[in-house]
Amino acid sequence: MRKRNRGRILSRTKDQREALLNTLATSLFLHEKIKTTEAKAKELRMSAEKFITRARDNTVSNRRIIAKDLSPKITKKLVEEIAPRYLQRPGGYTRIIKLGPRPSDGALMAIIELVK
């Protein structure tokens, strides 16, 4: 009986799911806009916003925590370019735009982007 368990499983084991979300977050921070399935976008929103919130407070410990999951290049871009945009914003750094179903398999698609 599942009680109070948060998050989507995405048909993956825990380590595969974490790797997927880290690569999606890397792509999001690199390109600032990506197209993926709706379920992955909703799950990515939670982790990406946590990264940005942590990066807003630019300390060595926060950089190390971010660097555990993201590459050094992306960590630097997140802390020095992306996070300063959101210093006055209390949350809601991402936007999900729902698209239609994918023609091949009918999966619901969405665009997730960083709010300007």
PDB file of N, CA and C in Angstrom:
ATOM      1  N   MET A   1       0.841  -1.174   0.000  1.00  0.00           N
ATOM      2  CA  MET A   1       0.000   0.000   0.000  1.00  0.00           C
ATOM      3  C   MET A   1       0.893   1.246   0.000  1.00  0.00           C
ATOM      4  N   ARG A   2       0.809   2.053  -1.060  1.00  0.00           N
ATOM      5  CA  ARG A   2       1.621   3.270  -1.163  1.00  0.00           C
ATOM      6  C   ARG A   2       0.967   4.385  -0.369  1.00  0.00           C
ATOM      7  N   LYS A   3       1.664   4.892   0.618  1.00  0.00           N
ATOM      8  CA  LYS A   3       1.137   5.999   1.401  1.00  0.00           C
ATOM      9  C   LYS A   3       2.171   7.097   1.475  1.00  0.00           C
ATOM     10  N   ARG A   4       1.763   8.290   1.089  1.00  0.00           N
ATOM     11  CA  ARG A   4       2.602   9.476   1.195  1.00  0.00           C
ATOM     12  C   ARG A   4       3.941   9.361   0.473  1.00  0.00           C
ATOM     13  N   ASN A   5       4.003   8.544  -0.569  1.00  0.00           N
ATOM     14  CA  ASN A   5       5.214   8.472  -1.370  1.00  0.00           C
ATOM     15  C   ASN A   5       5.077   9.464  -2.506  1.00  0.00           C
ATOM     16  N   ARG A   6       6.047  10.367  -2.617  1.00  0.00           N
ATOM     17  CA  ARG A   6       5.963  11.419  -3.621  1.00  0.00           C
ATOM     18  C   ARG A   6       6.792  11.048  -4.836  1.00  0.00           C
ATOM     19  N   GLY A   7       6.462  11.669  -5.942  1.00  0.00           N
ATOM     20  CA  GLY A   7       7.260  11.510  -7.147  1.00  0.00           C
ATOM     21  C   GLY A   7       6.739  10.410  -8.046  1.00  0.00           C
ATOM     22  N   ARG A   8       7.181  10.473  -9.288  1.00  0.00           N
ATOM     23  CA  ARG A   8       6.778   9.501 -10.290  1.00  0.00           C
ATOM     24  C   ARG A   8       7.886   8.466 -10.461  1.00  0.00           C
ATOM     25  N   ILE A   9       7.512   7.249 -10.773  1.00  0.00           N
ATOM     26  CA  ILE A   9       8.478   6.174 -10.921  1.00  0.00           C
ATOM     27  C   ILE A   9       9.108   6.209 -12.311  1.00  0.00           C
ATOM     28  N   LEU A  10       8.348   6.595 -13.328  1.00  0.00           N
ATOM     29  CA  LEU A  10       8.802   6.713 -14.708  1.00  0.00           C
ATOM     30  C   LEU A  10       9.346   5.397 -15.266  1.00  0.00           C
ATOM     31  N   SER A  11       8.852   4.275 -14.778  1.00  0.00           N
ATOM     32  CA  SER A  11       9.240   2.934 -15.248  1.00  0.00           C
ATOM     33  C   SER A  11      10.748   2.709 -15.187  1.00  0.00           C
ATOM     34  N   ARG A  12      11.388   3.187 -14.123  1.00  0.00           N
ATOM     35  CA  ARG A  12      12.828   3.054 -13.961  1.00  0.00           C
ATOM     36  C   ARG A  12      13.163   2.740 -12.514  1.00  0.00           C
ATOM     37  N   THR A  13      14.341   2.186 -12.321  1.00  0.00           N
ATOM     38  CA  THR A  13      14.817   1.990 -10.960  1.00  0.00           C
ATOM     39  C   THR A  13      15.286   3.337 -10.420  1.00  0.00           C
ATOM     40  N   LYS A  14      15.593   3.385  -9.136  1.00  0.00           N
ATOM     41  CA  LYS A  14      15.928   4.660  -8.506  1.00  0.00           C
ATOM     42  C   LYS A  14      17.165   5.311  -9.115  1.00  0.00           C
ATOM     43  N   ASP A  15      18.224   4.534  -9.335  1.00  0.00           N
ATOM     44  CA  ASP A  15      19.437   5.131  -9.883  1.00  0.00           C
ATOM     45  C   ASP A  15      19.250   5.573 -11.330  1.00  0.00           C
ATOM     46  N   GLN A  16      18.489   4.816 -12.107  1.00  0.00           N
ATOM     47  CA  GLN A  16      18.203   5.228 -13.486  1.00  0.00           C
ATOM     48  C   GLN A  16      17.353   6.499 -13.520  1.00  0.00           C
ATOM     49  N   ARG A  17      16.392   6.588 -12.602  1.00  0.00           N
ATOM     50  CA  ARG A  17      15.509   7.754 -12.532  1.00  0.00           C
ATOM     51  C   ARG A  17      16.305   9.003 -12.131  1.00  0.00           C
ATOM     52  N   GLU A  18      17.203   8.877 -11.162  1.00  0.00           N
ATOM     53  CA  GLU A  18      18.032  10.004 -10.746  1.00  0.00           C
ATOM     54  C   GLU A  18      18.955  10.454 -11.874  1.00  0.00           C
ATOM     55  N   ALA A  19      19.523   9.496 -12.607  1.00  0.00           N
ATOM     56  CA  ALA A  19      20.396   9.841 -13.731  1.00  0.00           C
ATOM     57  C   ALA A  19      19.598  10.553 -14.823  1.00  0.00           C
ATOM     58  N   LEU A  20      18.388  10.074 -15.096  1.00  0.00           N
ATOM     59  CA  LEU A  20      17.530  10.708 -16.096  1.00  0.00           C
ATOM     60  C   LEU A  20      17.224  12.143 -15.711  1.00  0.00           C
ATOM     61  N   LEU A  21      16.827  12.370 -14.466  1.00  0.00           N
ATOM     62  CA  LEU A  21      16.479  13.722 -14.023  1.00  0.00           C
ATOM     63  C   LEU A  21      17.700  14.644 -14.019  1.00  0.00           C
ATOM     64  N   ASN A  22      18.878  14.103 -13.694  1.00  0.00           N
ATOM     65  CA  ASN A  22      20.089  14.936 -13.721  1.00  0.00           C
ATOM     66  C   ASN A  22      20.449  15.340 -15.147  1.00  0.00           C
ATOM     67  N   THR A  23      20.298  14.415 -16.114  1.00  0.00           N
ATOM     68  CA  THR A  23      20.602  14.774 -17.496  1.00  0.00           C
ATOM     69  C   THR A  23      19.555  15.732 -18.054  1.00  0.00           C
ATOM     70  N   LEU A  24      18.289  15.548 -17.665  1.00  0.00           N
ATOM     71  CA  LEU A  24      17.256  16.498 -18.091  1.00  0.00           C
ATOM     72  C   LEU A  24      17.516  17.881 -17.501  1.00  0.00           C
ATOM     73  N   ALA A  25      17.929  17.932 -16.244  1.00  0.00           N
ATOM     74  CA  ALA A  25      18.239  19.219 -15.608  1.00  0.00           C
ATOM     75  C   ALA A  25      19.442  19.870 -16.289  1.00  0.00           C
ATOM     76  N   THR A  26      20.437  19.065 -16.644  1.00  0.00           N
ATOM     77  CA  THR A  26      21.602  19.588 -17.358  1.00  0.00           C
ATOM     78  C   THR A  26      21.182  20.202 -18.684  1.00  0.00           C
ATOM     79  N   SER A  27      20.332  19.509 -19.428  1.00  0.00           N
ATOM     80  CA  SER A  27      19.857  20.025 -20.712  1.00  0.00           C
ATOM     81  C   SER A  27      19.025  21.283 -20.524  1.00  0.00           C
ATOM     82  N   LEU A  28      18.191  21.298 -19.487  1.00  0.00           N
ATOM     83  CA  LEU A  28      17.363  22.469 -19.225  1.00  0.00           C
ATOM     84  C   LEU A  28      18.219  23.694 -18.917  1.00  0.00           C
ATOM     85  N   PHE A  29      19.233  23.527 -18.080  1.00  0.00           N
ATOM     86  CA  PHE A  29      20.072  24.661 -17.713  1.00  0.00           C
ATOM     87  C   PHE A  29      20.982  25.081 -18.867  1.00  0.00           C
ATOM     88  N   LEU A  30      21.344  24.153 -19.722  1.00  0.00           N
ATOM     89  CA  LEU A  30      22.202  24.469 -20.860  1.00  0.00           C
ATOM     90  C   LEU A  30      21.430  25.214 -21.943  1.00  0.00           C
ATOM     91  N   HIS A  31      20.241  24.707 -22.296  1.00  0.00           N
ATOM     92  CA  HIS A  31      19.463  25.279 -23.395  1.00  0.00           C
ATOM     93  C   HIS A  31      18.337  26.200 -22.918  1.00  0.00           C
ATOM     94  N   GLU A  32      17.998  26.136 -21.645  1.00  0.00           N
ATOM     95  CA  GLU A  32      16.942  26.924 -20.998  1.00  0.00           C
ATOM     96  C   GLU A  32      15.537  26.605 -21.505  1.00  0.00           C
ATOM     97  N   LYS A  33      15.404  25.589 -22.346  1.00  0.00           N
ATOM     98  CA  LYS A  33      14.099  25.173 -22.854  1.00  0.00           C
ATOM     99  C   LYS A  33      14.265  23.796 -23.487  1.00  0.00           C
ATOM    100  N   ILE A  34      13.475  22.810 -23.041  1.00  0.00           N
ATOM    101  CA  ILE A  34      13.557  21.481 -23.642  1.00  0.00           C
ATOM    102  C   ILE A  34      12.152  20.923 -23.852  1.00  0.00           C
ATOM    103  N   LYS A  35      12.057  19.963 -24.751  1.00  0.00           N
ATOM    104  CA  LYS A  35      10.798  19.292 -25.045  1.00  0.00           C
ATOM    105  C   LYS A  35      10.917  17.857 -24.556  1.00  0.00           C
ATOM    106  N   THR A  36       9.962  17.431 -23.728  1.00  0.00           N
ATOM    107  CA  THR A  36       9.984  16.088 -23.165  1.00  0.00           C
ATOM    108  C   THR A  36       8.546  15.661 -22.889  1.00  0.00           C
ATOM    109  N   THR A  37       8.372  14.491 -22.285  1.00  0.00           N
ATOM    110  CA  THR A  37       7.016  14.063 -21.960  1.00  0.00           C
ATOM    111  C   THR A  37       6.498  14.866 -20.769  1.00  0.00           C
ATOM    112  N   GLU A  38       5.202  14.903 -20.644  1.00  0.00           N
ATOM    113  CA  GLU A  38       4.581  15.698 -19.584  1.00  0.00           C
ATOM    114  C   GLU A  38       4.964  15.185 -18.197  1.00  0.00           C
ATOM    115  N   ALA A  39       5.001  13.870 -18.010  1.00  0.00           N
ATOM    116  CA  ALA A  39       5.345  13.302 -16.701  1.00  0.00           C
ATOM    117  C   ALA A  39       6.783  13.627 -16.324  1.00  0.00           C
ATOM    118  N   LYS A  40       7.704  13.527 -17.290  1.00  0.00           N
ATOM    119  CA  LYS A  40       9.099  13.861 -17.016  1.00  0.00           C
ATOM    120  C   LYS A  40       9.256  15.351 -16.725  1.00  0.00           C
ATOM    121  N   ALA A  41       8.509  16.180 -17.435  1.00  0.00           N
ATOM    122  CA  ALA A  41       8.584  17.629 -17.201  1.00  0.00           C
ATOM    123  C   ALA A  41       8.108  17.981 -15.797  1.00  0.00           C
ATOM    124  N   LYS A  42       7.023  17.363 -15.357  1.00  0.00           N
ATOM    125  CA  LYS A  42       6.506  17.649 -14.021  1.00  0.00           C
ATOM    126  C   LYS A  42       7.477  17.179 -12.938  1.00  0.00           C
ATOM    127  N   GLU A  43       8.138  16.073 -13.185  1.00  0.00           N
ATOM    128  CA  GLU A  43       9.104  15.571 -12.215  1.00  0.00           C
ATOM    129  C   GLU A  43      10.375  16.425 -12.244  1.00  0.00           C
ATOM    130  N   LEU A  44      10.773  16.852 -13.434  1.00  0.00           N
ATOM    131  CA  LEU A  44      11.960  17.688 -13.582  1.00  0.00           C
ATOM    132  C   LEU A  44      11.770  19.038 -12.906  1.00  0.00           C
ATOM    133  N   ARG A  45      10.552  19.558 -12.953  1.00  0.00           N
ATOM    134  CA  ARG A  45      10.273  20.864 -12.343  1.00  0.00           C
ATOM    135  C   ARG A  45      10.683  20.873 -10.871  1.00  0.00           C
ATOM    136  N   MET A  46      10.365  19.799 -10.145  1.00  0.00           N
ATOM    137  CA  MET A  46      10.690  19.760  -8.713  1.00  0.00           C
ATOM    138  C   MET A  46      12.200  19.810  -8.480  1.00  0.00           C
ATOM    139  N   SER A  47      12.953  18.999  -9.214  1.00  0.00           N
ATOM    140  CA  SER A  47      14.389  18.969  -8.974  1.00  0.00           C
ATOM    141  C   SER A  47      15.083  20.228  -9.497  1.00  0.00           C
ATOM    142  N   ALA A  48      14.649  20.750 -10.643  1.00  0.00           N
ATOM    143  CA  ALA A  48      15.279  21.955 -11.208  1.00  0.00           C
ATOM    144  C   ALA A  48      15.068  23.157 -10.298  1.00  0.00           C
ATOM    145  N   GLU A  49      13.880  23.280  -9.731  1.00  0.00           N
ATOM    146  CA  GLU A  49      13.626  24.424  -8.855  1.00  0.00           C
ATOM    147  C   GLU A  49      14.434  24.316  -7.561  1.00  0.00           C
ATOM    148  N   LYS A  50      14.688  23.103  -7.099  1.00  0.00           N
ATOM    149  CA  LYS A  50      15.533  22.940  -5.921  1.00  0.00           C
ATOM    150  C   LYS A  50      16.973  23.337  -6.226  1.00  0.00           C
ATOM    151  N   PHE A  51      17.450  22.980  -7.428  1.00  0.00           N
ATOM    152  CA  PHE A  51      18.799  23.388  -7.833  1.00  0.00           C
ATOM    153  C   PHE A  51      18.906  24.912  -7.878  1.00  0.00           C
ATOM    154  N   ILE A  52      17.928  25.571  -8.470  1.00  0.00           N
ATOM    155  CA  ILE A  52      17.980  27.030  -8.610  1.00  0.00           C
ATOM    156  C   ILE A  52      17.901  27.703  -7.245  1.00  0.00           C
ATOM    157  N   THR A  53      17.026  27.200  -6.376  1.00  0.00           N
ATOM    158  CA  THR A  53      16.904  27.775  -5.035  1.00  0.00           C
ATOM    159  C   THR A  53      18.222  27.658  -4.277  1.00  0.00           C
ATOM    160  N   ARG A  54      18.894  26.529  -4.410  1.00  0.00           N
ATOM    161  CA  ARG A  54      20.180  26.344  -3.739  1.00  0.00           C
ATOM    162  C   ARG A  54      21.244  27.247  -4.363  1.00  0.00           C
ATOM    163  N   ALA A  55      21.199  27.415  -5.682  1.00  0.00           N
ATOM    164  CA  ALA A  55      22.211  28.221  -6.372  1.00  0.00           C
ATOM    165  C   ALA A  55      22.053  29.712  -6.074  1.00  0.00           C
ATOM    166  N   ARG A  56      20.869  30.141  -5.674  1.00  0.00           N
ATOM    167  CA  ARG A  56      20.656  31.563  -5.354  1.00  0.00           C
ATOM    168  C   ARG A  56      21.555  32.010  -4.213  1.00  0.00           C
ATOM    169  N   ASP A  57      21.784  31.132  -3.250  1.00  0.00           N
ATOM    170  CA  ASP A  57      22.687  31.429  -2.135  1.00  0.00           C
ATOM    171  C   ASP A  57      24.062  30.894  -2.528  1.00  0.00           C
ATOM    172  N   ASN A  58      24.884  31.726  -3.097  1.00  0.00           N
ATOM    173  CA  ASN A  58      26.151  31.309  -3.692  1.00  0.00           C
ATOM    174  C   ASN A  58      27.212  31.104  -2.612  1.00  0.00           C
ATOM    175  N   THR A  59      27.230  29.905  -2.022  1.00  0.00           N
ATOM    176  CA  THR A  59      28.251  29.551  -1.048  1.00  0.00           C
ATOM    177  C   THR A  59      28.998  28.323  -1.551  1.00  0.00           C
ATOM    178  N   VAL A  60      30.136  28.064  -0.956  1.00  0.00           N
ATOM    179  CA  VAL A  60      30.945  26.915  -1.361  1.00  0.00           C
ATOM    180  C   VAL A  60      30.183  25.609  -1.114  1.00  0.00           C
ATOM    181  N   SER A  61      29.508  25.519   0.004  1.00  0.00           N
ATOM    182  CA  SER A  61      28.790  24.274   0.307  1.00  0.00           C
ATOM    183  C   SER A  61      27.653  24.037  -0.689  1.00  0.00           C
ATOM    184  N   ASN A  62      26.943  25.088  -1.072  1.00  0.00           N
ATOM    185  CA  ASN A  62      25.876  24.923  -2.053  1.00  0.00           C
ATOM    186  C   ASN A  62      26.431  24.553  -3.419  1.00  0.00           C
ATOM    187  N   ARG A  63      27.560  25.133  -3.803  1.00  0.00           N
ATOM    188  CA  ARG A  63      28.181  24.759  -5.073  1.00  0.00           C
ATOM    189  C   ARG A  63      28.589  23.285  -5.063  1.00  0.00           C
ATOM    190  N   ARG A  64      29.095  22.811  -3.944  1.00  0.00           N
ATOM    191  CA  ARG A  64      29.500  21.400  -3.866  1.00  0.00           C
ATOM    192  C   ARG A  64      28.301  20.470  -3.943  1.00  0.00           C
ATOM    193  N   ILE A  65      27.209  20.842  -3.317  1.00  0.00           N
ATOM    194  CA  ILE A  65      26.001  20.018  -3.371  1.00  0.00           C
ATOM    195  C   ILE A  65      25.464  19.961  -4.798  1.00  0.00           C
ATOM    196  N   ILE A  66      25.462  21.088  -5.495  1.00  0.00           N
ATOM    197  CA  ILE A  66      25.003  21.114  -6.885  1.00  0.00           C
ATOM    198  C   ILE A  66      25.960  20.329  -7.774  1.00  0.00           C
ATOM    199  N   ALA A  67      27.268  20.459  -7.525  1.00  0.00           N
ATOM    200  CA  ALA A  67      28.271  19.805  -8.357  1.00  0.00           C
ATOM    201  C   ALA A  67      28.245  18.285  -8.217  1.00  0.00           C
ATOM    202  N   LYS A  68      27.635  17.760  -7.149  1.00  0.00           N
ATOM    203  CA  LYS A  68      27.507  16.309  -7.022  1.00  0.00           C
ATOM    204  C   LYS A  68      26.638  15.742  -8.135  1.00  0.00           C
ATOM    205  N   ASP A  69      25.629  16.511  -8.567  1.00  0.00           N
ATOM    206  CA  ASP A  69      24.676  16.011  -9.545  1.00  0.00           C
ATOM    207  C   ASP A  69      24.872  16.587 -10.942  1.00  0.00           C
ATOM    208  N   LEU A  70      25.450  17.760 -11.067  1.00  0.00           N
ATOM    209  CA  LEU A  70      25.603  18.407 -12.365  1.00  0.00           C
ATOM    210  C   LEU A  70      27.082  18.585 -12.693  1.00  0.00           C
ATOM    211  N   SER A  71      27.384  18.767 -13.972  1.00  0.00           N
ATOM    212  CA  SER A  71      28.772  18.931 -14.403  1.00  0.00           C
ATOM    213  C   SER A  71      29.303  20.296 -13.944  1.00  0.00           C
ATOM    214  N   PRO A  72      30.627  20.449 -13.907  1.00  0.00           N
ATOM    215  CA  PRO A  72      31.195  21.738 -13.473  1.00  0.00           C
ATOM    216  C   PRO A  72      30.776  22.903 -14.362  1.00  0.00           C
ATOM    217  N   LYS A  73      30.685  22.680 -15.667  1.00  0.00           N
ATOM    218  CA  LYS A  73      30.285  23.732 -16.605  1.00  0.00           C
ATOM    219  C   LYS A  73      28.857  24.204 -16.307  1.00  0.00           C
ATOM    220  N   ILE A  74      27.961  23.259 -16.079  1.00  0.00           N
ATOM    221  CA  ILE A  74      26.567  23.591 -15.808  1.00  0.00           C
ATOM    222  C   ILE A  74      26.436  24.216 -14.425  1.00  0.00           C
ATOM    223  N   THR A  75      27.188  23.737 -13.462  1.00  0.00           N
ATOM    224  CA  THR A  75      27.162  24.312 -12.117  1.00  0.00           C
ATOM    225  C   THR A  75      27.567  25.784 -12.160  1.00  0.00           C
ATOM    226  N   LYS A  76      28.622  26.076 -12.909  1.00  0.00           N
ATOM    227  CA  LYS A  76      29.088  27.459 -13.025  1.00  0.00           C
ATOM    228  C   LYS A  76      28.025  28.331 -13.692  1.00  0.00           C
ATOM    229  N   LYS A  77      27.421  27.832 -14.776  1.00  0.00           N
ATOM    230  CA  LYS A  77      26.391  28.610 -15.463  1.00  0.00           C
ATOM    231  C   LYS A  77      25.185  28.833 -14.559  1.00  0.00           C
ATOM    232  N   LEU A  78      24.800  27.804 -13.811  1.00  0.00           N
ATOM    233  CA  LEU A  78      23.645  27.902 -12.923  1.00  0.00           C
ATOM    234  C   LEU A  78      23.880  28.942 -11.833  1.00  0.00           C
ATOM    235  N   VAL A  79      25.037  28.909 -11.210  1.00  0.00           N
ATOM    236  CA  VAL A  79      25.317  29.804 -10.089  1.00  0.00           C
ATOM    237  C   VAL A  79      25.591  31.238 -10.545  1.00  0.00           C
ATOM    238  N   GLU A  80      26.289  31.395 -11.670  1.00  0.00           N
ATOM    239  CA  GLU A  80      26.718  32.733 -12.073  1.00  0.00           C
ATOM    240  C   GLU A  80      25.770  33.432 -13.043  1.00  0.00           C
ATOM    241  N   GLU A  81      24.994  32.687 -13.837  1.00  0.00           N
ATOM    242  CA  GLU A  81      24.132  33.319 -14.830  1.00  0.00           C
ATOM    243  C   GLU A  81      22.643  33.155 -14.535  1.00  0.00           C
ATOM    244  N   ILE A  82      22.231  31.935 -14.215  1.00  0.00           N
ATOM    245  CA  ILE A  82      20.799  31.649 -14.092  1.00  0.00           C
ATOM    246  C   ILE A  82      20.245  32.099 -12.739  1.00  0.00           C
ATOM    247  N   ALA A  83      20.883  31.707 -11.655  1.00  0.00           N
ATOM    248  CA  ALA A  83      20.360  31.998 -10.321  1.00  0.00           C
ATOM    249  C   ALA A  83      20.236  33.495 -10.008  1.00  0.00           C
ATOM    250  N   PRO A  84      21.164  34.352 -10.438  1.00  0.00           N
ATOM    251  CA  PRO A  84      21.004  35.785 -10.129  1.00  0.00           C
ATOM    252  C   PRO A  84      19.751  36.411 -10.742  1.00  0.00           C
ATOM    253  N   ARG A  85      19.216  35.828 -11.803  1.00  0.00           N
ATOM    254  CA  ARG A  85      17.974  36.340 -12.395  1.00  0.00           C
ATOM    255  C   ARG A  85      16.796  36.228 -11.437  1.00  0.00           C
ATOM    256  N   TYR A  86      16.859  35.247 -10.540  1.00  0.00           N
ATOM    257  CA  TYR A  86      15.712  34.915  -9.708  1.00  0.00           C
ATOM    258  C   TYR A  86      15.884  35.329  -8.250  1.00  0.00           C
ATOM    259  N   LEU A  87      16.786  36.243  -7.962  1.00  0.00           N
ATOM    260  CA  LEU A  87      17.009  36.647  -6.569  1.00  0.00           C
ATOM    261  C   LEU A  87      15.772  37.297  -5.954  1.00  0.00           C
ATOM    262  N   GLN A  88      14.996  38.026  -6.742  1.00  0.00           N
ATOM    263  CA  GLN A  88      13.799  38.692  -6.223  1.00  0.00           C
ATOM    264  C   GLN A  88      12.546  37.838  -6.351  1.00  0.00           C
ATOM    265  N   ARG A  89      12.661  36.650  -6.934  1.00  0.00           N
ATOM    266  CA  ARG A  89      11.501  35.797  -7.186  1.00  0.00           C
ATOM    267  C   ARG A  89      11.419  34.716  -6.107  1.00  0.00           C
ATOM    268  N   PRO A  90      10.278  34.562  -5.438  1.00  0.00           N
ATOM    269  CA  PRO A  90      10.190  33.600  -4.342  1.00  0.00           C
ATOM    270  C   PRO A  90      10.067  32.137  -4.776  1.00  0.00           C
ATOM    271  N   GLY A  91       9.859  31.885  -6.038  1.00  0.00           N
ATOM    272  CA  GLY A  91       9.735  30.507  -6.529  1.00  0.00           C
ATOM    273  C   GLY A  91       9.108  30.529  -7.905  1.00  0.00           C
ATOM    274  N   GLY A  92       8.841  29.352  -8.457  1.00  0.00           N
ATOM    275  CA  GLY A  92       8.222  29.281  -9.769  1.00  0.00           C
ATOM    276  C   GLY A  92       9.171  29.711 -10.862  1.00  0.00           C
ATOM    277  N   TYR A  93      10.329  29.045 -10.936  1.00  0.00           N
ATOM    278  CA  TYR A  93      11.352  29.427 -11.896  1.00  0.00           C
ATOM    279  C   TYR A  93      11.149  28.771 -13.257  1.00  0.00           C
ATOM    280  N   THR A  94      10.263  27.777 -13.328  1.00  0.00           N
ATOM    281  CA  THR A  94      10.053  27.056 -14.582  1.00  0.00           C
ATOM    282  C   THR A  94       8.605  27.181 -15.034  1.00  0.00           C
ATOM    283  N   ARG A  95       8.398  26.965 -16.327  1.00  0.00           N
ATOM    284  CA  ARG A  95       7.060  26.995 -16.921  1.00  0.00           C
ATOM    285  C   ARG A  95       6.907  25.730 -17.764  1.00  0.00           C
ATOM    286  N   ILE A  96       5.755  25.068 -17.629  1.00  0.00           N
ATOM    287  CA  ILE A  96       5.459  23.894 -18.441  1.00  0.00           C
ATOM    288  C   ILE A  96       4.331  24.258 -19.402  1.00  0.00           C
ATOM    289  N   ILE A  97       4.596  24.080 -20.691  1.00  0.00           N
ATOM    290  CA  ILE A  97       3.601  24.332 -21.726  1.00  0.00           C
ATOM    291  C   ILE A  97       3.221  22.981 -22.312  1.00  0.00           C
ATOM    292  N   LYS A  98       1.966  22.611 -22.179  1.00  0.00           N
ATOM    293  CA  LYS A  98       1.528  21.307 -22.654  1.00  0.00           C
ATOM    294  C   LYS A  98       1.312  21.331 -24.161  1.00  0.00           C
ATOM    295  N   LEU A  99       1.799  20.290 -24.818  1.00  0.00           N
ATOM    296  CA  LEU A  99       1.614  20.116 -26.244  1.00  0.00           C
ATOM    297  C   LEU A  99       0.653  18.940 -26.458  1.00  0.00           C
ATOM    298  N   GLY A 100       0.389  18.617 -27.668  1.00  0.00           N
ATOM    299  CA  GLY A 100      -0.482  17.480 -27.953  1.00  0.00           C
ATOM    300  C   GLY A 100       0.241  16.156 -27.759  1.00  0.00           C
ATOM    301  N   PRO A 101      -0.445  15.059 -28.038  1.00  0.00           N
ATOM    302  CA  PRO A 101       0.199  13.755 -27.915  1.00  0.00           C
ATOM    303  C   PRO A 101       1.228  13.532 -29.029  1.00  0.00           C
ATOM    304  N   ARG A 102       2.246  12.751 -28.729  1.00  0.00           N
ATOM    305  CA  ARG A 102       3.268  12.413 -29.718  1.00  0.00           C
ATOM    306  C   ARG A 102       2.656  11.458 -30.735  1.00  0.00           C
ATOM    307  N   PRO A 103       2.883  11.673 -32.025  1.00  0.00           N
ATOM    308  CA  PRO A 103       2.220  10.846 -33.041  1.00  0.00           C
ATOM    309  C   PRO A 103       2.582   9.361 -32.975  1.00  0.00           C
ATOM    310  N   SER A 104       3.821   9.042 -32.602  1.00  0.00           N
ATOM    311  CA  SER A 104       4.256   7.646 -32.656  1.00  0.00           C
ATOM    312  C   SER A 104       3.595   6.770 -31.593  1.00  0.00           C
ATOM    313  N   ASP A 105       3.559   7.240 -30.350  1.00  0.00           N
ATOM    314  CA  ASP A 105       3.021   6.396 -29.280  1.00  0.00           C
ATOM    315  C   ASP A 105       1.922   7.050 -28.455  1.00  0.00           C
ATOM    316  N   GLY A 106       1.593   8.296 -28.757  1.00  0.00           N
ATOM    317  CA  GLY A 106       0.501   8.952 -28.046  1.00  0.00           C
ATOM    318  C   GLY A 106       0.868   9.516 -26.688  1.00  0.00           C
ATOM    319  N   ALA A 107       2.174   9.550 -26.364  1.00  0.00           N
ATOM    320  CA  ALA A 107       2.587  10.100 -25.078  1.00  0.00           C
ATOM    321  C   ALA A 107       2.346  11.606 -25.070  1.00  0.00           C
ATOM    322  N   LEU A 108       1.833  12.116 -23.965  1.00  0.00           N
ATOM    323  CA  LEU A 108       1.585  13.551 -23.842  1.00  0.00           C
ATOM    324  C   LEU A 108       2.926  14.281 -23.751  1.00  0.00           C
ATOM    325  N   MET A 109       3.110  15.284 -24.606  1.00  0.00           N
ATOM    326  CA  MET A 109       4.362  16.012 -24.667  1.00  0.00           C
ATOM    327  C   MET A 109       4.213  17.396 -24.041  1.00  0.00           C
ATOM    328  N   ALA A 110       5.341  17.959 -23.607  1.00  0.00           N
ATOM    329  CA  ALA A 110       5.334  19.281 -22.993  1.00  0.00           C
ATOM    330  C   ALA A 110       6.683  19.940 -23.222  1.00  0.00           C
ATOM    331  N   ILE A 111       6.667  21.254 -23.156  1.00  0.00           N
ATOM    332  CA  ILE A 111       7.908  22.038 -23.194  1.00  0.00           C
ATOM    333  C   ILE A 111       8.092  22.606 -21.788  1.00  0.00           C
ATOM    334  N   ILE A 112       9.272  22.408 -21.236  1.00  0.00           N
ATOM    335  CA  ILE A 112       9.596  23.015 -19.946  1.00  0.00           C
ATOM    336  C   ILE A 112      10.697  24.030 -20.194  1.00  0.00           C
ATOM    337  N   GLU A 113      10.510  25.243 -19.654  1.00  0.00           N
ATOM    338  CA  GLU A 113      11.466  26.309 -19.885  1.00  0.00           C
ATOM    339  C   GLU A 113      11.653  27.130 -18.625  1.00  0.00           C
ATOM    340  N   LEU A 114      12.764  27.830 -18.575  1.00  0.00           N
ATOM    341  CA  LEU A 114      13.019  28.728 -17.467  1.00  0.00           C
ATOM    342  C   LEU A 114      12.283  30.036 -17.714  1.00  0.00           C
ATOM    343  N   VAL A 115      11.652  30.557 -16.691  1.00  0.00           N
ATOM    344  CA  VAL A 115      10.925  31.816 -16.787  1.00  0.00           C
ATOM    345  C   VAL A 115      11.935  32.952 -16.878  1.00  0.00           C
ATOM    346  N   LYS A 116      11.684  33.916 -17.721  1.00  0.00           N
ATOM    347  CA  LYS A 116      12.623  35.043 -17.891  1.00  0.00           C
ATOM    348  C   LYS A 116      12.491  36.046 -16.786  1.00  0.00           C
TER     349      LYS A 116
END
